[in-house]
Amino acid sequence: MLKIQFFNNKNTYTWGGQKRVVSKLNNNTVLRPHKKSRSITFRLDASIVDELQRDANQNEISLNVLINKILKKYVEWGRFEQKLGMMPVPKNFFSSLIQETIRLSESNGISVDPYKEKLIKYSAEVAFYHLKESVILMKKKFDLWSVLAVLHEYMNVSGITSDHRIEAGKKHIFVIQHELGEYWSLFAKELLNLIFYNIANLRAEIQITQKSIIAEVII
């Protein structure tokens, strides 16, 4: 028998922009997540509990925390994967495929530069369309914060690091760190521009490198 305590986190102010409990400390605003919990008991195979406990020990967290993380991941993303037609693919697969396509093209005397901008724009438009359908399915609404929340969840399960902070009350800074190369950065920049402008009529200042994207926008 395994007894687990569940927390209902009313907010993780990441990309989703939900509400948090706000308090003051030394004149600085501190965002504190408001949590509710309840206990529930499951009967699990002993071998499953042993494996979970081993992973929890390796990550230096409690078994309760690990199981909450697993179930949270399922609720936010896992239960939608089949409905969305998602396939588990290593995150460097697409960057490797793009680089090899470019190499083969150039080795045969074909330059992709004249088509790069059109390909990136088309890819972002296709991604934006499918993102809209995914957000409606997962969040039952389609607005800026629900889209950003789904993007954050996708990056989280894909092993892509993302962060969101607020400066001066209105300036939102979104940071994405990845290992997918220049073309993925260009694609992500185009997609973020589509999201901010098409959904909220906002212009974002976006800087990119081969491994990161920084988007700044006044909301």
Protein backbone atom coordinates (compact mmCIF):
# COMPACT_ATOMS: atom_id res chain seq x y z
CA MET A 1 0.00 0.00 0.00
CA LEU A 2 1.34 3.40 -0.94
CA LYS A 3 -0.08 6.55 0.61
CA ILE A 4 0.54 9.74 -1.32
CA GLN A 5 -0.11 13.36 -0.49
CA PHE A 6 -1.20 15.45 -3.45
CA PHE A 7 -0.68 19.19 -3.74
CA ASN A 8 -2.99 21.42 -5.73
CA ASN A 9 -0.62 24.15 -6.86
CA LYS A 10 -2.79 27.13 -7.67
CA ASN A 11 0.09 28.69 -9.37
CA THR A 12 3.40 28.19 -10.94
CA TYR A 13 4.03 31.56 -12.51
CA THR A 14 6.06 30.24 -15.39
CA TRP A 15 4.78 30.68 -18.93
CA GLY A 16 1.18 30.17 -17.91
CA GLY A 17 0.68 33.44 -16.10
CA GLN A 18 -1.81 32.18 -13.50
CA LYS A 19 -2.36 33.90 -10.16
CA ARG A 20 -0.15 33.59 -7.08
CA VAL A 21 -0.33 34.60 -3.47
CA VAL A 22 1.64 37.86 -3.21
CA SER A 23 3.39 39.05 -0.06
CA LYS A 24 5.89 41.78 0.75
CA LEU A 25 9.38 41.15 2.07
CA ASN A 26 11.86 44.03 2.49
CA ASN A 27 9.83 46.10 0.00
CA ASN A 28 10.22 43.38 -2.64
CA THR A 29 7.28 41.48 -4.11
CA VAL A 30 7.45 37.76 -3.34
CA LEU A 31 5.29 35.33 -5.27
CA ARG A 32 4.32 32.34 -3.16
CA PRO A 33 2.38 29.41 -4.63
CA HIS A 34 -0.81 28.60 -2.74
CA LYS A 35 -1.08 24.84 -2.28
CA LYS A 36 -3.82 22.54 -1.09
CA SER A 37 -3.30 18.86 -0.52
CA ARG A 38 -5.12 15.68 0.29
CA SER A 39 -4.03 12.14 0.98
CA ILE A 40 -4.97 9.12 -1.10
CA THR A 41 -3.89 5.47 -0.97
CA PHE A 42 -2.94 3.28 -3.93
CA ARG A 43 -2.14 -0.41 -4.09
CA LEU A 44 0.90 -0.86 -6.36
CA ASP A 45 3.17 -3.73 -7.29
CA ALA A 46 6.12 -3.87 -4.92
CA SER A 47 8.55 -3.86 -7.87
CA ILE A 48 7.09 -0.55 -9.11
CA VAL A 49 7.41 1.04 -5.68
CA ASP A 50 11.01 -0.20 -5.42
CA GLU A 51 11.92 1.35 -8.78
CA LEU A 52 10.24 4.63 -7.86
CA GLN A 53 12.02 4.71 -4.53
CA ARG A 54 15.35 4.04 -6.25
CA ASP A 55 14.79 6.97 -8.63
CA ALA A 56 13.71 9.21 -5.76
CA ASN A 57 16.88 8.35 -3.83
CA GLN A 58 19.07 9.01 -6.86
CA ASN A 59 17.46 12.43 -7.35
CA GLU A 60 17.58 13.18 -3.62
CA ILE A 61 13.86 13.81 -3.36
CA SER A 62 11.09 12.08 -1.44
CA LEU A 63 8.97 9.36 -3.01
CA ASN A 64 5.93 11.58 -2.49
CA VAL A 65 7.53 14.43 -4.46
CA LEU A 66 8.54 12.10 -7.29
CA ILE A 67 5.06 10.63 -7.67
CA ASN A 68 3.49 14.09 -7.60
CA LYS A 69 5.86 15.13 -10.42
CA ILE A 70 5.00 12.03 -12.45
CA LEU A 71 1.26 12.53 -12.08
CA LYS A 72 1.52 16.27 -12.73
CA LYS A 73 3.36 15.53 -15.98
CA TYR A 74 0.62 13.10 -16.99
CA VAL A 75 -2.19 15.54 -16.18
CA GLU A 76 -0.52 18.46 -18.00
CA TRP A 77 0.77 16.58 -21.03
CA GLY A 78 0.83 12.79 -21.05
CA ARG A 79 -2.91 12.21 -21.31
CA PHE A 80 -3.05 14.38 -24.46
CA GLU A 81 -0.12 12.87 -26.36
CA GLN A 82 -2.11 10.19 -28.21
CA LYS A 83 -4.97 12.58 -29.01
CA LEU A 84 -2.48 15.08 -30.45
CA GLY A 85 -0.67 12.41 -32.46
CA MET A 86 2.61 13.04 -30.65
CA MET A 87 5.55 10.66 -31.03
CA PRO A 88 8.52 10.42 -28.65
CA VAL A 89 11.51 11.56 -30.73
CA PRO A 90 14.98 12.54 -29.41
CA LYS A 91 15.19 16.32 -29.33
CA ASN A 92 18.35 16.39 -31.46
CA PHE A 93 16.70 14.32 -34.21
CA PHE A 94 15.28 17.29 -36.13
CA SER A 95 18.41 19.42 -35.83
CA SER A 96 20.52 16.52 -37.10
CA LEU A 97 18.06 15.95 -39.95
CA ILE A 98 18.15 19.62 -40.96
CA GLN A 99 21.93 19.80 -40.84
CA GLU A 100 22.31 16.64 -42.91
CA THR A 101 19.78 17.89 -45.48
CA ILE A 102 21.74 21.14 -45.82
CA ARG A 103 25.03 19.27 -46.12
CA LEU A 104 23.71 16.95 -48.84
CA SER A 105 22.16 19.86 -50.74
CA GLU A 106 25.34 21.93 -50.67
CA SER A 107 27.50 18.94 -51.60
CA ASN A 108 25.37 18.63 -54.74
CA GLY A 109 25.70 22.32 -55.57
CA ILE A 110 22.29 23.38 -54.22
CA SER A 111 22.20 26.36 -51.88
CA VAL A 112 19.34 26.51 -49.37
CA ASP A 113 19.90 30.18 -48.52
CA PRO A 114 17.35 31.52 -51.07
CA TYR A 115 14.68 29.27 -49.52
CA LYS A 116 15.65 29.45 -45.83
CA GLU A 117 13.40 32.36 -44.88
CA LYS A 118 10.38 30.90 -46.69
CA LEU A 119 10.90 27.45 -45.14
CA ILE A 120 11.21 28.86 -41.63
CA LYS A 121 8.13 31.06 -42.07
CA TYR A 122 6.09 28.17 -43.48
CA SER A 123 7.19 25.84 -40.68
CA ALA A 124 6.22 28.41 -38.04
CA GLU A 125 2.80 28.97 -39.65
CA VAL A 126 2.11 25.23 -39.69
CA ALA A 127 3.26 24.92 -36.07
CA PHE A 128 1.05 27.85 -35.05
CA TYR A 129 -2.01 26.25 -36.64
CA HIS A 130 -1.45 22.91 -34.89
CA LEU A 131 -0.59 24.68 -31.65
CA LYS A 132 -3.98 26.38 -31.70
CA GLU A 133 -5.76 23.02 -32.02
CA SER A 134 -3.64 21.57 -29.21
CA VAL A 135 -4.31 24.49 -26.87
CA ILE A 136 -8.06 24.31 -27.42
CA LEU A 137 -8.01 20.58 -26.64
CA MET A 138 -5.81 20.88 -23.56
CA LYS A 139 -6.97 24.17 -22.04
CA LYS A 140 -10.50 24.47 -23.46
CA LYS A 141 -9.70 28.05 -24.46
CA PHE A 142 -7.34 29.95 -26.75
CA ASP A 143 -5.61 33.05 -25.43
CA LEU A 144 -2.04 34.22 -24.96
CA TRP A 145 -1.47 32.70 -21.52
CA SER A 146 -2.99 29.33 -22.38
CA VAL A 147 -0.78 29.14 -25.48
CA LEU A 148 2.34 30.03 -23.49
CA ALA A 149 1.37 27.48 -20.82
CA VAL A 150 1.15 24.69 -23.42
CA LEU A 151 4.47 25.76 -24.94
CA HIS A 152 6.07 25.63 -21.51
CA GLU A 153 4.66 22.15 -20.86
CA TYR A 154 5.89 20.95 -24.25
CA MET A 155 9.39 22.24 -23.65
CA ASN A 156 9.41 20.74 -20.17
CA VAL A 157 8.63 17.21 -21.42
CA SER A 158 11.06 17.68 -24.33
CA GLY A 159 14.00 18.52 -22.08
CA ILE A 160 14.21 22.13 -23.25
CA THR A 161 14.94 24.69 -20.52
CA SER A 162 12.61 27.68 -20.33
CA ASP A 163 12.16 30.56 -17.93
CA HIS A 164 9.83 33.51 -17.47
CA ARG A 165 10.39 36.59 -15.34
CA ILE A 166 8.77 40.00 -15.00
CA GLU A 167 10.56 43.33 -14.73
CA ALA A 168 9.00 46.68 -13.76
CA GLY A 169 5.56 45.11 -13.51
CA LYS A 170 4.84 44.93 -17.25
CA LYS A 171 7.94 43.75 -19.09
CA HIS A 172 7.84 39.99 -19.53
CA ILE A 173 11.06 38.19 -20.44
CA PHE A 174 10.89 34.66 -21.82
CA VAL A 175 14.08 32.62 -22.16
CA ILE A 176 14.49 29.32 -24.00
CA GLN A 177 17.73 27.33 -23.94
CA HIS A 178 18.14 24.38 -26.27
CA GLU A 179 20.76 22.36 -28.15
CA LEU A 180 19.00 22.34 -31.51
CA GLY A 181 21.03 24.80 -33.53
CA GLU A 182 20.49 28.00 -35.47
CA TYR A 183 17.53 26.85 -37.58
CA TRP A 184 15.49 25.87 -34.52
CA SER A 185 16.23 29.28 -33.00
CA LEU A 186 15.05 31.00 -36.18
CA PHE A 187 11.94 28.82 -36.24
CA ALA A 188 11.17 29.54 -32.56
CA LYS A 189 11.64 33.27 -33.13
CA GLU A 190 9.15 33.24 -36.02
CA LEU A 191 6.67 31.16 -34.00
CA LEU A 192 6.85 33.47 -30.98
CA ASN A 193 6.31 36.49 -33.23
CA LEU A 194 3.18 34.84 -34.63
CA ILE A 195 1.91 34.01 -31.14
CA PHE A 196 2.37 37.47 -29.65
CA TYR A 197 1.09 39.40 -32.69
CA ASN A 198 -1.76 37.17 -33.89
CA ILE A 199 -3.21 36.44 -30.46
CA ALA A 200 -2.52 39.62 -28.47
CA ASN A 201 -1.48 42.19 -31.11
CA LEU A 202 1.88 42.59 -29.36
CA ARG A 203 5.32 43.17 -30.83
CA ALA A 204 8.10 41.27 -29.11
CA GLU A 205 11.81 42.02 -29.18
CA ILE A 206 13.48 38.68 -29.80
CA GLN A 207 17.19 37.89 -29.76
CA ILE A 208 18.60 34.50 -30.71
CA THR A 209 21.82 32.51 -30.68
CA GLN A 210 22.43 28.96 -31.86
CA LYS A 211 21.32 27.67 -28.46
CA SER A 212 18.95 30.22 -27.00
CA ILE A 213 16.05 32.62 -27.56
CA ILE A 214 15.23 35.68 -25.44
CA ALA A 215 11.87 37.35 -26.03
CA GLU A 216 10.92 40.61 -24.32
CA VAL A 217 7.39 41.97 -24.52
CA ILE A 218 5.30 44.55 -22.69
CA ILE A 219 2.01 43.02 -21.59
